[in-house]
N, C-alpha and C. Protein backbone atom coordinates (compact mmCIF):
# COMPACT_ATOMS: atom_id res chain seq x y z
N GLY A 1 203.84 -44.00 19.54
CA GLY A 1 204.53 -42.59 19.80
C GLY A 1 203.77 -42.05 21.02
N GLY A 2 202.44 -42.76 21.42
CA GLY A 2 201.58 -42.38 22.44
C GLY A 2 202.34 -42.51 23.99
N ASN A 3 201.60 -41.84 24.78
CA ASN A 3 201.90 -41.96 26.31
C ASN A 3 201.56 -43.24 26.82
N LEU A 4 202.37 -43.93 27.56
CA LEU A 4 201.77 -45.12 28.14
C LEU A 4 201.13 -44.84 29.48
N PRO A 5 200.18 -45.64 29.92
CA PRO A 5 199.30 -45.31 31.18
C PRO A 5 200.39 -45.04 32.38
N PHE A 6 199.98 -44.58 33.46
CA PHE A 6 201.01 -44.68 34.46
C PHE A 6 201.26 -45.97 35.03
N ILE A 7 200.34 -46.67 35.24
CA ILE A 7 200.73 -48.15 35.86
C ILE A 7 201.65 -48.77 34.84
N THR A 8 201.32 -48.98 33.58
CA THR A 8 202.44 -49.51 32.65
C THR A 8 203.73 -48.95 32.65
N GLN A 9 203.79 -47.58 32.65
CA GLN A 9 204.87 -46.87 32.74
C GLN A 9 205.77 -47.06 33.84
N MET A 10 205.12 -47.27 35.11
CA MET A 10 206.03 -47.74 36.27
C MET A 10 206.40 -49.06 36.40
N LEU A 11 205.71 -50.05 35.59
CA LEU A 11 206.00 -51.52 35.37
C LEU A 11 207.17 -51.56 34.64
N VAL A 12 207.28 -50.79 33.45
CA VAL A 12 208.30 -50.79 32.40
C VAL A 12 209.58 -50.19 32.98
N ASN A 13 209.39 -49.02 33.81
CA ASN A 13 210.55 -48.19 34.52
C ASN A 13 211.29 -49.31 35.38
N PHE A 14 210.55 -50.01 36.31
CA PHE A 14 210.93 -50.90 37.14
C PHE A 14 211.65 -52.04 36.61
N THR A 15 211.07 -52.76 35.49
CA THR A 15 211.74 -53.88 34.81
C THR A 15 212.94 -53.48 34.11
N GLN A 16 213.07 -52.12 33.75
CA GLN A 16 214.34 -51.76 33.07
C GLN A 16 215.37 -51.63 34.15
N LEU A 17 214.88 -50.99 35.37
CA LEU A 17 215.92 -50.65 36.29
C LEU A 17 216.35 -51.86 36.94
N PHE A 18 215.54 -52.97 37.08
CA PHE A 18 215.88 -54.31 37.71
C PHE A 18 216.72 -54.94 36.91
N ASN A 19 216.55 -54.83 35.24
CA ASN A 19 217.44 -55.63 34.56
C ASN A 19 218.87 -54.89 34.43
N ARG A 20 219.00 -53.78 34.63
CA ARG A 20 220.36 -52.90 34.68
C ARG A 20 220.88 -53.11 35.65
N TYR A 21 220.29 -53.08 37.02
CA TYR A 21 221.02 -52.85 38.40
C TYR A 21 220.52 -54.13 39.23
N TRP A 22 220.37 -55.38 38.54
CA TRP A 22 219.90 -56.29 39.40
C TRP A 22 221.09 -56.81 40.60
N TYR A 23 222.04 -56.44 40.47
CA TYR A 23 223.30 -56.77 41.46
C TYR A 23 223.24 -55.91 42.42
N VAL A 24 222.59 -54.67 42.32
CA VAL A 24 222.30 -53.58 43.56
C VAL A 24 221.18 -54.16 44.27
N PHE A 25 220.19 -54.58 43.76
CA PHE A 25 219.03 -55.30 44.39
C PHE A 25 219.34 -56.42 45.23
N LEU A 26 220.23 -57.20 44.55
CA LEU A 26 220.64 -58.32 45.28
C LEU A 26 221.35 -58.30 46.41
N ALA A 27 222.43 -57.14 46.15
CA ALA A 27 223.39 -56.81 47.25
C ALA A 27 222.51 -56.12 48.50
N VAL A 28 221.53 -55.38 48.23
CA VAL A 28 220.82 -54.75 49.25
C VAL A 28 220.09 -55.86 50.06
N ILE A 29 219.41 -56.79 49.36
CA ILE A 29 218.78 -57.85 50.15
C ILE A 29 219.79 -58.91 50.81
N VAL A 30 220.76 -59.21 50.29
CA VAL A 30 221.79 -60.06 50.99
C VAL A 30 222.33 -59.13 52.23
N GLY A 31 222.58 -57.83 52.14
CA GLY A 31 222.97 -56.96 53.19
C GLY A 31 221.95 -56.57 54.42
N LEU A 32 220.73 -56.59 53.99
CA LEU A 32 219.62 -56.48 54.94
C LEU A 32 219.61 -57.85 55.85
N VAL A 33 219.63 -58.86 55.20
CA VAL A 33 219.80 -60.22 55.73
C VAL A 33 220.86 -60.50 56.65
N PHE A 34 221.95 -59.94 56.22
CA PHE A 34 223.30 -60.13 57.12
C PHE A 34 223.07 -59.31 58.27
N LEU A 35 222.66 -58.10 58.18
CA LEU A 35 222.52 -57.12 59.42
C LEU A 35 221.54 -57.82 60.21
N PHE A 36 220.35 -58.32 59.75
CA PHE A 36 219.44 -58.85 60.62
C PHE A 36 219.84 -59.91 61.46
N ILE A 37 220.67 -60.87 61.02
CA ILE A 37 221.25 -62.00 61.49
C ILE A 37 222.37 -61.68 62.50
N SER A 38 223.20 -60.58 62.21
CA SER A 38 224.20 -60.05 63.09
C SER A 38 223.42 -59.53 64.30
N TYR A 39 222.41 -58.71 63.96
CA TYR A 39 221.67 -58.14 65.11
C TYR A 39 221.20 -58.96 65.83
N SER A 40 220.59 -60.14 65.46
CA SER A 40 219.66 -61.19 66.28
C SER A 40 220.88 -61.91 67.25
N LYS A 41 222.10 -61.82 66.81
CA LYS A 41 222.83 -62.72 67.50
C LYS A 41 223.57 -61.88 68.83
N THR A 42 223.27 -60.49 68.80
CA THR A 42 223.71 -59.78 70.02
C THR A 42 222.71 -60.09 70.97
N LYS A 43 223.03 -59.62 72.19
CA LYS A 43 222.17 -60.00 73.62
C LYS A 43 221.25 -59.14 73.38
N ASN A 44 221.13 -58.02 73.38
CA ASN A 44 220.16 -56.93 73.09
C ASN A 44 219.33 -57.00 71.77
N GLY A 45 219.90 -57.50 70.87
CA GLY A 45 219.32 -57.58 69.59
C GLY A 45 218.31 -58.89 69.87
N HIS A 46 218.80 -59.92 70.16
CA HIS A 46 217.94 -61.13 70.49
C HIS A 46 216.64 -60.83 71.45
N ARG A 47 217.13 -60.03 72.44
CA ARG A 47 215.94 -59.72 73.29
C ARG A 47 214.88 -58.85 72.74
N ASN A 48 215.43 -57.82 71.95
CA ASN A 48 214.48 -56.90 71.28
C ASN A 48 213.52 -57.67 70.27
N ILE A 49 214.16 -58.69 69.55
CA ILE A 49 213.39 -59.38 68.57
C ILE A 49 212.36 -60.18 69.16
N ASP A 50 212.89 -60.91 70.45
CA ASP A 50 211.90 -61.61 71.10
C ASP A 50 210.56 -60.82 71.54
N LYS A 51 211.03 -59.59 72.04
CA LYS A 51 209.77 -58.73 72.50
C LYS A 51 208.91 -58.36 71.40
N ILE A 52 209.57 -57.98 70.18
CA ILE A 52 208.56 -57.58 68.99
C ILE A 52 207.88 -58.95 68.57
N LYS A 53 208.39 -60.21 68.64
CA LYS A 53 207.76 -61.34 68.30
C LYS A 53 206.44 -61.58 69.14
N LEU A 54 206.31 -61.07 70.44
CA LEU A 54 205.31 -61.11 71.20
C LEU A 54 204.30 -60.11 71.07
N LYS A 55 204.63 -59.30 70.28
CA LYS A 55 203.56 -58.01 69.86
C LYS A 55 203.01 -57.91 68.50
N ILE A 56 203.56 -59.01 67.64
CA ILE A 56 203.09 -59.10 66.34
C ILE A 56 201.61 -59.62 66.43
N PRO A 57 200.82 -59.12 65.73
CA PRO A 57 199.46 -59.33 65.63
C PRO A 57 199.23 -60.93 65.08
N VAL A 58 198.45 -61.56 65.53
CA VAL A 58 198.00 -62.82 65.29
C VAL A 58 199.16 -63.90 65.84
N PHE A 59 200.37 -63.55 65.26
CA PHE A 59 201.43 -64.29 65.43
C PHE A 59 202.08 -64.41 66.93
N GLY A 60 201.96 -63.21 67.43
CA GLY A 60 202.38 -62.81 68.92
C GLY A 60 201.86 -63.80 69.79
N ASN A 61 200.49 -63.99 69.66
CA ASN A 61 199.61 -64.76 70.61
C ASN A 61 200.21 -66.19 70.38
N LEU A 62 200.44 -66.90 69.26
CA LEU A 62 201.11 -68.09 68.98
C LEU A 62 202.32 -68.32 69.72
N PHE A 63 203.20 -67.31 69.49
CA PHE A 63 204.67 -67.46 70.20
C PHE A 63 204.49 -67.69 71.55
N LEU A 64 203.64 -66.72 72.13
CA LEU A 64 203.40 -66.71 73.59
C LEU A 64 202.80 -68.01 74.30
N LYS A 65 201.90 -68.49 73.48
CA LYS A 65 201.25 -69.76 74.00
C LYS A 65 202.25 -70.81 73.75
N THR A 66 203.04 -70.90 72.68
CA THR A 66 204.09 -71.93 72.52
C THR A 66 205.12 -71.92 73.42
N SER A 67 205.28 -70.65 73.89
CA SER A 67 206.48 -70.56 74.95
C SER A 67 206.06 -71.03 76.35
N ILE A 68 204.91 -70.71 76.65
CA ILE A 68 204.34 -71.02 77.95
C ILE A 68 204.06 -72.45 78.05
N ASN A 69 203.52 -73.11 77.06
CA ASN A 69 203.44 -74.50 77.12
C ASN A 69 204.84 -75.38 77.17
N ARG A 70 205.75 -74.56 76.73
CA ARG A 70 207.05 -75.40 76.70
C ARG A 70 207.65 -75.08 78.16
N PHE A 71 207.33 -74.07 78.72
CA PHE A 71 208.02 -73.67 79.89
C PHE A 71 207.17 -74.70 81.08
N THR A 72 205.98 -74.48 81.05
CA THR A 72 205.02 -75.28 81.87
C THR A 72 205.29 -76.99 82.10
N ARG A 73 205.52 -77.43 80.85
CA ARG A 73 205.77 -78.73 80.79
C ARG A 73 207.05 -79.19 81.24
N THR A 74 208.15 -78.40 80.77
CA THR A 74 209.56 -78.66 81.38
C THR A 74 209.54 -78.52 82.98
N LEU A 75 208.99 -77.58 83.31
CA LEU A 75 209.14 -77.23 84.79
C LEU A 75 208.29 -78.39 85.46
N GLY A 76 207.06 -78.62 85.03
CA GLY A 76 206.25 -79.63 85.77
C GLY A 76 207.00 -81.10 85.83
N THR A 77 207.50 -81.40 84.58
CA THR A 77 208.23 -82.67 84.71
C THR A 77 209.36 -82.57 85.29
N LEU A 78 210.18 -81.73 85.31
CA LEU A 78 211.31 -81.80 86.26
C LEU A 78 211.14 -81.69 87.72
N ILE A 79 209.89 -81.06 88.30
CA ILE A 79 209.52 -80.97 89.65
C ILE A 79 209.10 -82.45 89.98
N ARG A 80 208.36 -83.08 89.01
CA ARG A 80 207.70 -84.32 89.31
C ARG A 80 208.97 -85.38 89.31
N SER A 81 210.02 -85.24 88.72
CA SER A 81 211.14 -86.17 88.56
C SER A 81 212.11 -85.90 89.85
N GLY A 82 211.64 -84.91 90.81
CA GLY A 82 212.35 -84.69 91.98
C GLY A 82 213.58 -83.83 91.81
N VAL A 83 213.58 -83.16 90.78
CA VAL A 83 214.64 -81.85 90.71
C VAL A 83 214.36 -80.87 91.57
N PRO A 84 215.32 -80.14 92.26
CA PRO A 84 215.02 -79.16 93.05
C PRO A 84 214.50 -77.99 92.52
N ILE A 85 213.65 -77.15 92.99
CA ILE A 85 212.68 -76.17 92.19
C ILE A 85 213.58 -74.96 91.68
N ILE A 86 214.58 -74.45 92.23
CA ILE A 86 215.46 -73.65 91.52
C ILE A 86 216.10 -74.03 90.59
N GLN A 87 216.60 -75.18 90.47
CA GLN A 87 217.45 -75.78 89.43
C GLN A 87 216.42 -76.06 88.20
N SER A 88 215.22 -76.54 88.60
CA SER A 88 213.98 -76.67 87.62
C SER A 88 213.51 -75.48 86.79
N LEU A 89 213.80 -74.28 87.57
CA LEU A 89 213.39 -73.11 86.91
C LEU A 89 214.48 -72.64 86.07
N LYS A 90 215.71 -72.78 86.40
CA LYS A 90 216.69 -72.47 85.61
C LYS A 90 216.82 -73.19 84.25
N VAL A 91 216.42 -74.53 84.44
CA VAL A 91 216.53 -75.33 83.23
C VAL A 91 215.35 -74.92 82.33
N SER A 92 214.25 -74.82 82.96
CA SER A 92 212.85 -74.42 82.22
C SER A 92 213.08 -73.18 81.53
N SER A 93 213.77 -72.14 82.22
CA SER A 93 214.04 -70.66 81.58
C SER A 93 214.66 -70.83 80.18
N GLU A 94 215.77 -71.79 80.16
CA GLU A 94 216.46 -72.02 79.00
C GLU A 94 215.85 -72.72 77.95
N SER A 95 214.79 -73.34 78.22
CA SER A 95 214.12 -74.05 77.40
C SER A 95 212.98 -73.34 76.76
N ILE A 96 212.60 -72.26 77.20
CA ILE A 96 211.25 -71.52 76.70
C ILE A 96 211.41 -70.83 75.44
N GLY A 97 212.70 -70.38 74.83
CA GLY A 97 212.79 -70.04 73.69
C GLY A 97 212.54 -68.44 73.45
N ASN A 98 212.40 -67.74 74.34
CA ASN A 98 211.94 -66.46 74.26
C ASN A 98 212.51 -65.55 75.57
N ASP A 99 213.55 -64.64 75.29
CA ASP A 99 214.34 -64.05 76.32
C ASP A 99 213.36 -63.37 77.22
N ILE A 100 212.42 -62.73 76.84
CA ILE A 100 211.41 -61.99 77.67
C ILE A 100 210.89 -62.79 78.66
N LEU A 101 210.14 -63.89 78.18
CA LEU A 101 209.61 -65.03 79.41
C LEU A 101 210.81 -65.63 80.23
N ALA A 102 211.89 -65.82 79.62
CA ALA A 102 213.09 -66.41 80.40
C ALA A 102 213.55 -65.41 81.41
N GLU A 103 213.46 -64.30 81.17
CA GLU A 103 213.92 -63.31 82.19
C GLU A 103 212.98 -63.31 83.48
N ALA A 104 211.62 -63.35 82.97
CA ALA A 104 210.64 -63.53 84.29
C ALA A 104 210.82 -64.90 84.94
N VAL A 105 210.99 -65.92 84.45
CA VAL A 105 211.30 -67.05 85.08
C VAL A 105 212.60 -67.11 85.76
N ALA A 106 213.60 -66.45 85.33
CA ALA A 106 214.85 -66.42 86.07
C ALA A 106 214.75 -65.43 87.27
N ASN A 107 213.99 -64.49 87.00
CA ASN A 107 213.70 -63.43 88.06
C ASN A 107 212.84 -64.21 89.28
N SER A 108 212.08 -65.14 89.15
CA SER A 108 211.28 -66.03 89.73
C SER A 108 212.24 -66.82 90.57
N ALA A 109 213.27 -67.34 90.06
CA ALA A 109 214.17 -68.21 90.74
C ALA A 109 214.91 -67.62 91.82
N ASP A 110 215.17 -66.30 91.42
CA ASP A 110 216.10 -65.40 92.40
C ASP A 110 215.28 -65.05 93.64
N ARG A 111 213.88 -64.86 93.47
CA ARG A 111 212.87 -64.31 94.32
C ARG A 111 212.62 -65.44 95.20
N ILE A 112 212.66 -66.76 94.81
CA ILE A 112 212.46 -67.98 95.59
C ILE A 112 213.61 -68.01 96.78
N LYS A 113 214.79 -67.72 96.25
CA LYS A 113 215.86 -67.62 97.26
C LYS A 113 215.67 -66.77 98.27
N GLU A 114 215.03 -65.76 98.34
CA GLU A 114 214.50 -64.88 99.11
C GLU A 114 213.27 -65.25 99.99
N GLY A 115 212.67 -66.34 99.68
CA GLY A 115 211.58 -66.98 100.47
C GLY A 115 210.22 -66.60 99.95
N GLN A 116 210.26 -66.09 98.63
CA GLN A 116 209.12 -65.65 97.96
C GLN A 116 208.47 -66.96 97.14
N SER A 117 207.29 -66.74 96.61
CA SER A 117 206.63 -67.67 95.81
C SER A 117 206.94 -67.70 94.32
N ILE A 118 206.67 -68.48 93.44
CA ILE A 118 206.88 -68.46 92.08
C ILE A 118 205.96 -67.59 91.17
N SER A 119 204.68 -67.52 91.66
CA SER A 119 203.63 -66.83 90.88
C SER A 119 203.83 -65.54 91.17
N ALA A 120 204.17 -65.05 92.33
CA ALA A 120 204.22 -63.52 92.33
C ALA A 120 204.94 -62.73 91.43
N PRO A 121 206.41 -63.20 91.15
CA PRO A 121 207.25 -62.55 90.28
C PRO A 121 206.66 -62.78 88.76
N LEU A 122 206.32 -63.88 88.48
CA LEU A 122 205.70 -64.15 87.18
C LEU A 122 204.50 -63.25 86.77
N LYS A 123 203.57 -62.84 88.02
CA LYS A 123 202.56 -62.18 87.84
C LYS A 123 202.97 -60.69 87.48
N GLU A 124 204.02 -60.45 88.30
CA GLU A 124 204.71 -58.84 88.33
C GLU A 124 205.24 -58.60 87.13
N SER A 125 205.66 -59.67 86.45
CA SER A 125 206.30 -59.53 85.08
C SER A 125 205.31 -58.94 83.98
N GLY A 126 204.20 -59.27 84.11
CA GLY A 126 203.21 -58.73 83.20
C GLY A 126 203.06 -59.43 81.85
N VAL A 127 204.00 -60.60 81.62
CA VAL A 127 204.06 -61.39 80.53
C VAL A 127 203.08 -62.45 80.50
N PHE A 128 203.10 -63.27 81.62
CA PHE A 128 202.43 -64.44 81.80
C PHE A 128 200.79 -64.18 81.89
N PRO A 129 199.81 -64.87 81.24
CA PRO A 129 198.56 -64.39 81.67
C PRO A 129 198.12 -64.82 82.82
N PRO A 130 196.87 -64.00 83.14
CA PRO A 130 196.54 -64.24 84.69
C PRO A 130 196.19 -65.81 85.06
N MET A 131 195.66 -66.57 84.03
CA MET A 131 195.30 -67.89 84.37
C MET A 131 196.45 -68.80 84.65
N VAL A 132 197.67 -68.58 84.00
CA VAL A 132 198.68 -69.28 84.21
C VAL A 132 199.21 -69.03 85.70
N THR A 133 199.40 -67.75 86.10
CA THR A 133 199.91 -67.40 87.37
C THR A 133 198.93 -67.73 88.46
N GLN A 134 197.53 -67.76 88.18
CA GLN A 134 196.83 -68.32 89.02
C GLN A 134 196.84 -69.68 89.40
N MET A 135 196.73 -70.34 88.34
CA MET A 135 197.09 -71.87 88.57
C MET A 135 198.44 -72.17 89.07
N ILE A 136 199.44 -71.60 88.85
CA ILE A 136 200.61 -71.84 89.69
C ILE A 136 200.35 -71.48 91.13
N MET A 137 199.80 -70.37 91.51
CA MET A 137 199.60 -70.02 92.85
C MET A 137 198.88 -71.16 93.59
N VAL A 138 197.68 -71.50 92.93
CA VAL A 138 196.82 -72.76 93.48
C VAL A 138 197.84 -73.75 93.77
N GLY A 139 198.70 -74.44 92.76
CA GLY A 139 199.37 -75.46 92.94
C GLY A 139 200.46 -75.37 93.97
N GLU A 140 200.92 -73.91 94.33
CA GLU A 140 201.83 -73.96 95.35
C GLU A 140 201.11 -74.13 96.71
N GLU A 141 199.85 -73.49 96.73
CA GLU A 141 199.28 -73.51 97.97
C GLU A 141 198.64 -74.90 98.46
N SER A 142 198.50 -75.66 97.51
CA SER A 142 197.88 -76.94 97.62
C SER A 142 198.95 -78.07 97.55
N GLY A 143 200.01 -77.89 97.20
CA GLY A 143 201.14 -78.52 97.37
C GLY A 143 201.18 -79.60 95.93
N GLU A 144 200.43 -79.15 94.90
CA GLU A 144 200.42 -79.98 93.81
C GLU A 144 200.72 -79.18 92.56
N LEU A 145 201.80 -78.47 92.70
CA LEU A 145 202.39 -77.70 91.73
C LEU A 145 202.73 -78.28 90.36
N GLU A 146 203.30 -79.31 90.32
CA GLU A 146 203.67 -80.15 89.25
C GLU A 146 202.49 -80.53 88.40
N THR A 147 201.44 -80.95 89.12
CA THR A 147 200.17 -81.30 88.67
C THR A 147 199.53 -80.14 87.80
N MET A 148 199.60 -79.06 88.54
CA MET A 148 198.80 -77.99 87.90
C MET A 148 199.71 -77.39 86.73
N LEU A 149 201.00 -77.41 86.72
CA LEU A 149 202.06 -77.07 85.60
C LEU A 149 201.77 -77.91 84.45
N LEU A 150 201.43 -79.37 84.54
CA LEU A 150 201.15 -80.04 83.62
C LEU A 150 199.45 -79.74 82.84
N ASN A 151 198.85 -79.61 83.84
CA ASN A 151 197.37 -79.34 83.50
C ASN A 151 197.49 -78.13 82.43
N VAL A 152 198.26 -77.25 82.93
CA VAL A 152 198.43 -75.88 81.96
C VAL A 152 199.01 -76.26 80.79
N SER A 153 199.99 -77.03 80.75
CA SER A 153 200.64 -77.42 79.43
C SER A 153 199.62 -78.25 78.58
N GLU A 154 198.78 -79.10 79.19
CA GLU A 154 197.94 -79.93 78.15
C GLU A 154 196.87 -78.79 77.74
N PHE A 155 196.54 -77.76 78.52
CA PHE A 155 195.71 -76.62 78.20
C PHE A 155 196.27 -75.81 76.84
N TYR A 156 197.52 -75.51 77.03
CA TYR A 156 198.28 -74.62 76.08
C TYR A 156 198.46 -75.58 74.84
N ASP A 157 198.59 -76.92 75.02
CA ASP A 157 198.74 -77.70 73.89
C ASP A 157 197.71 -77.61 72.96
N GLN A 158 196.37 -77.52 73.49
CA GLN A 158 194.96 -77.53 72.76
C GLN A 158 195.12 -76.16 72.02
N GLU A 159 195.43 -75.24 73.04
CA GLU A 159 195.34 -73.83 72.50
C GLU A 159 196.38 -73.36 71.33
N VAL A 160 197.49 -74.05 71.30
CA VAL A 160 198.37 -73.80 70.15
C VAL A 160 197.94 -74.55 68.83
N GLU A 161 197.34 -75.66 69.12
CA GLU A 161 196.75 -76.43 67.88
C GLU A 161 195.48 -75.55 67.24
N ARG A 162 194.80 -74.91 68.28
CA ARG A 162 193.75 -74.35 67.69
C ARG A 162 194.05 -73.00 67.18
N ALA A 163 195.31 -72.37 67.52
CA ALA A 163 195.69 -71.09 67.04
C ALA A 163 196.47 -71.50 65.73
N VAL A 164 197.14 -72.57 65.38
CA VAL A 164 197.43 -72.91 64.25
C VAL A 164 196.56 -73.10 63.25
N GLU A 165 195.42 -73.75 63.60
CA GLU A 165 194.40 -73.98 62.63
C GLU A 165 193.68 -72.55 62.11
N GLN A 166 193.49 -71.77 63.22
CA GLN A 166 192.99 -70.38 62.77
C GLN A 166 193.86 -69.61 62.05
N LEU A 167 195.27 -69.77 62.38
CA LEU A 167 196.25 -68.89 61.75
C LEU A 167 196.28 -69.50 60.11
N THR A 168 196.33 -70.66 59.98
CA THR A 168 196.25 -71.21 58.51
C THR A 168 195.06 -70.84 57.93
N SER A 169 193.72 -70.73 58.55
CA SER A 169 192.54 -70.38 57.74
C SER A 169 192.77 -68.99 57.33
N VAL A 170 193.47 -68.18 58.13
CA VAL A 170 193.60 -66.80 57.83
C VAL A 170 194.60 -66.44 56.79
N ILE A 171 195.73 -67.29 56.76
CA ILE A 171 197.11 -66.92 55.84
C ILE A 171 196.50 -67.25 54.41
N GLU A 172 195.73 -68.36 54.05
CA GLU A 172 195.49 -68.93 52.91
C GLU A 172 194.67 -67.93 52.11
N PRO A 173 193.54 -67.27 52.60
CA PRO A 173 192.96 -66.36 51.92
C PRO A 173 193.85 -64.96 51.69
N ILE A 174 194.70 -64.54 52.54
CA ILE A 174 195.51 -63.38 52.43
C ILE A 174 196.59 -63.76 51.40
N MET A 175 197.23 -64.93 51.37
CA MET A 175 198.12 -65.35 50.29
C MET A 175 197.47 -65.06 48.91
N MET A 176 196.20 -65.73 48.99
CA MET A 176 195.68 -65.74 47.45
C MET A 176 195.36 -64.37 47.10
N ALA A 177 194.97 -63.55 47.99
CA ALA A 177 194.62 -61.93 47.82
C ALA A 177 195.86 -61.35 47.20
N PHE A 178 197.08 -61.53 47.80
CA PHE A 178 198.35 -61.05 47.33
C PHE A 178 198.71 -61.30 46.00
N VAL A 179 198.58 -62.72 45.71
CA VAL A 179 198.80 -63.30 44.31
C VAL A 179 197.84 -62.63 43.27
N ALA A 180 196.54 -62.59 43.93
CA ALA A 180 195.69 -62.14 42.78
C ALA A 180 195.85 -60.66 42.44
N LEU A 181 196.28 -59.86 43.66
CA LEU A 181 196.69 -58.29 43.23
C LEU A 181 197.94 -58.26 42.46
N GLY A 182 198.87 -59.11 42.68
CA GLY A 182 200.23 -59.10 41.94
C GLY A 182 199.95 -59.47 40.43
N VAL A 183 199.10 -60.51 40.34
CA VAL A 183 198.95 -60.91 38.81
C VAL A 183 198.13 -60.22 38.14
N GLY A 184 196.80 -59.71 38.82
CA GLY A 184 195.72 -58.68 38.26
C GLY A 184 196.62 -57.38 37.82
N GLY A 185 197.52 -56.96 38.76
CA GLY A 185 198.12 -55.64 38.55
C GLY A 185 198.79 -55.66 37.39
N MET A 186 199.78 -56.77 37.35
CA MET A 186 200.49 -56.91 35.77
C MET A 186 199.65 -57.13 34.71
N VAL A 187 198.92 -57.79 34.74
CA VAL A 187 197.59 -57.86 33.58
C VAL A 187 197.19 -56.54 33.16
N ILE A 188 196.67 -55.80 34.15
CA ILE A 188 196.12 -54.48 33.83
C ILE A 188 197.00 -53.74 33.26
N ALA A 189 198.30 -53.53 33.86
CA ALA A 189 199.45 -52.66 33.34
C ALA A 189 199.62 -53.20 31.87
N MET A 190 199.55 -54.41 31.44
CA MET A 190 199.82 -54.79 30.11
C MET A 190 198.83 -54.39 29.14
N TYR A 191 197.57 -54.65 29.55
CA TYR A 191 196.30 -54.26 28.66
C TYR A 191 195.87 -53.03 28.79
N LEU A 192 196.10 -52.14 29.74
CA LEU A 192 195.75 -50.70 29.51
C LEU A 192 196.19 -49.85 28.23
N PRO A 193 197.38 -50.20 27.85
CA PRO A 193 197.78 -49.54 26.50
C PRO A 193 196.89 -49.95 25.35
N ILE A 194 196.61 -51.11 25.19
CA ILE A 194 195.58 -51.69 24.38
C ILE A 194 194.42 -51.02 24.26
N PHE A 195 193.81 -50.98 25.55
CA PHE A 195 192.57 -50.22 25.63
C PHE A 195 192.62 -48.78 25.46
N SER A 196 193.83 -47.83 25.61
CA SER A 196 193.86 -46.70 25.28
C SER A 196 193.97 -46.54 23.90
N MET A 197 194.57 -47.32 23.14
CA MET A 197 194.64 -47.51 21.63
C MET A 197 193.41 -47.55 21.06
N VAL A 198 192.37 -48.43 21.62
CA VAL A 198 191.04 -48.73 21.20
C VAL A 198 190.36 -47.43 21.26
N ASP A 199 190.44 -46.88 22.46
CA ASP A 199 189.75 -45.50 22.78
C ASP A 199 190.04 -44.39 21.58
N LEU A 200 191.34 -44.44 21.43
CA LEU A 200 191.67 -43.17 20.52
C LEU A 200 191.13 -43.70 18.95
N VAL A 201 191.08 -44.96 18.70
CA VAL A 201 190.45 -45.40 17.45
C VAL A 201 189.01 -44.77 17.39
């Protein structure tokens, strides 16, 4: 007949609520997933999601490095194979996998038609790191653009591999902490009433 501790009462209330209205929880989750998928399929939605991806702490840096690696490798390989520069840029922009970076590359292709360089619009976009745009500029000036692009790709290969290792080392303890908090919270909620009864005795 006594009052349950606050944490225990919250756990009991949530359990009863979930058991009674589990279909509502399921419907909400399915609805949210459906809305997210539908939004991501729209042009603006996909662009906004790609923009958010680049700003996510820790993960954003990995997404950026992966996209740059894919872009520089594709562009360098196409140019080395003798594909015209504008066509190579269009193909490589489609292979990037991120709308924000793809727009910057597509804009670069349009500026080349006006007689400008590749590096200038990429630098103005503010998306590509300075090292990448400087390497591309050096490649354009020296006539070794494909070599520079492939060198950048190899560099980002190593960067992506290093970032994945660092991310793995960070995620593991975070996951363990969440599991410990969840299990520990439930254990505390179950044993608090027993401790309260002992105190009363």
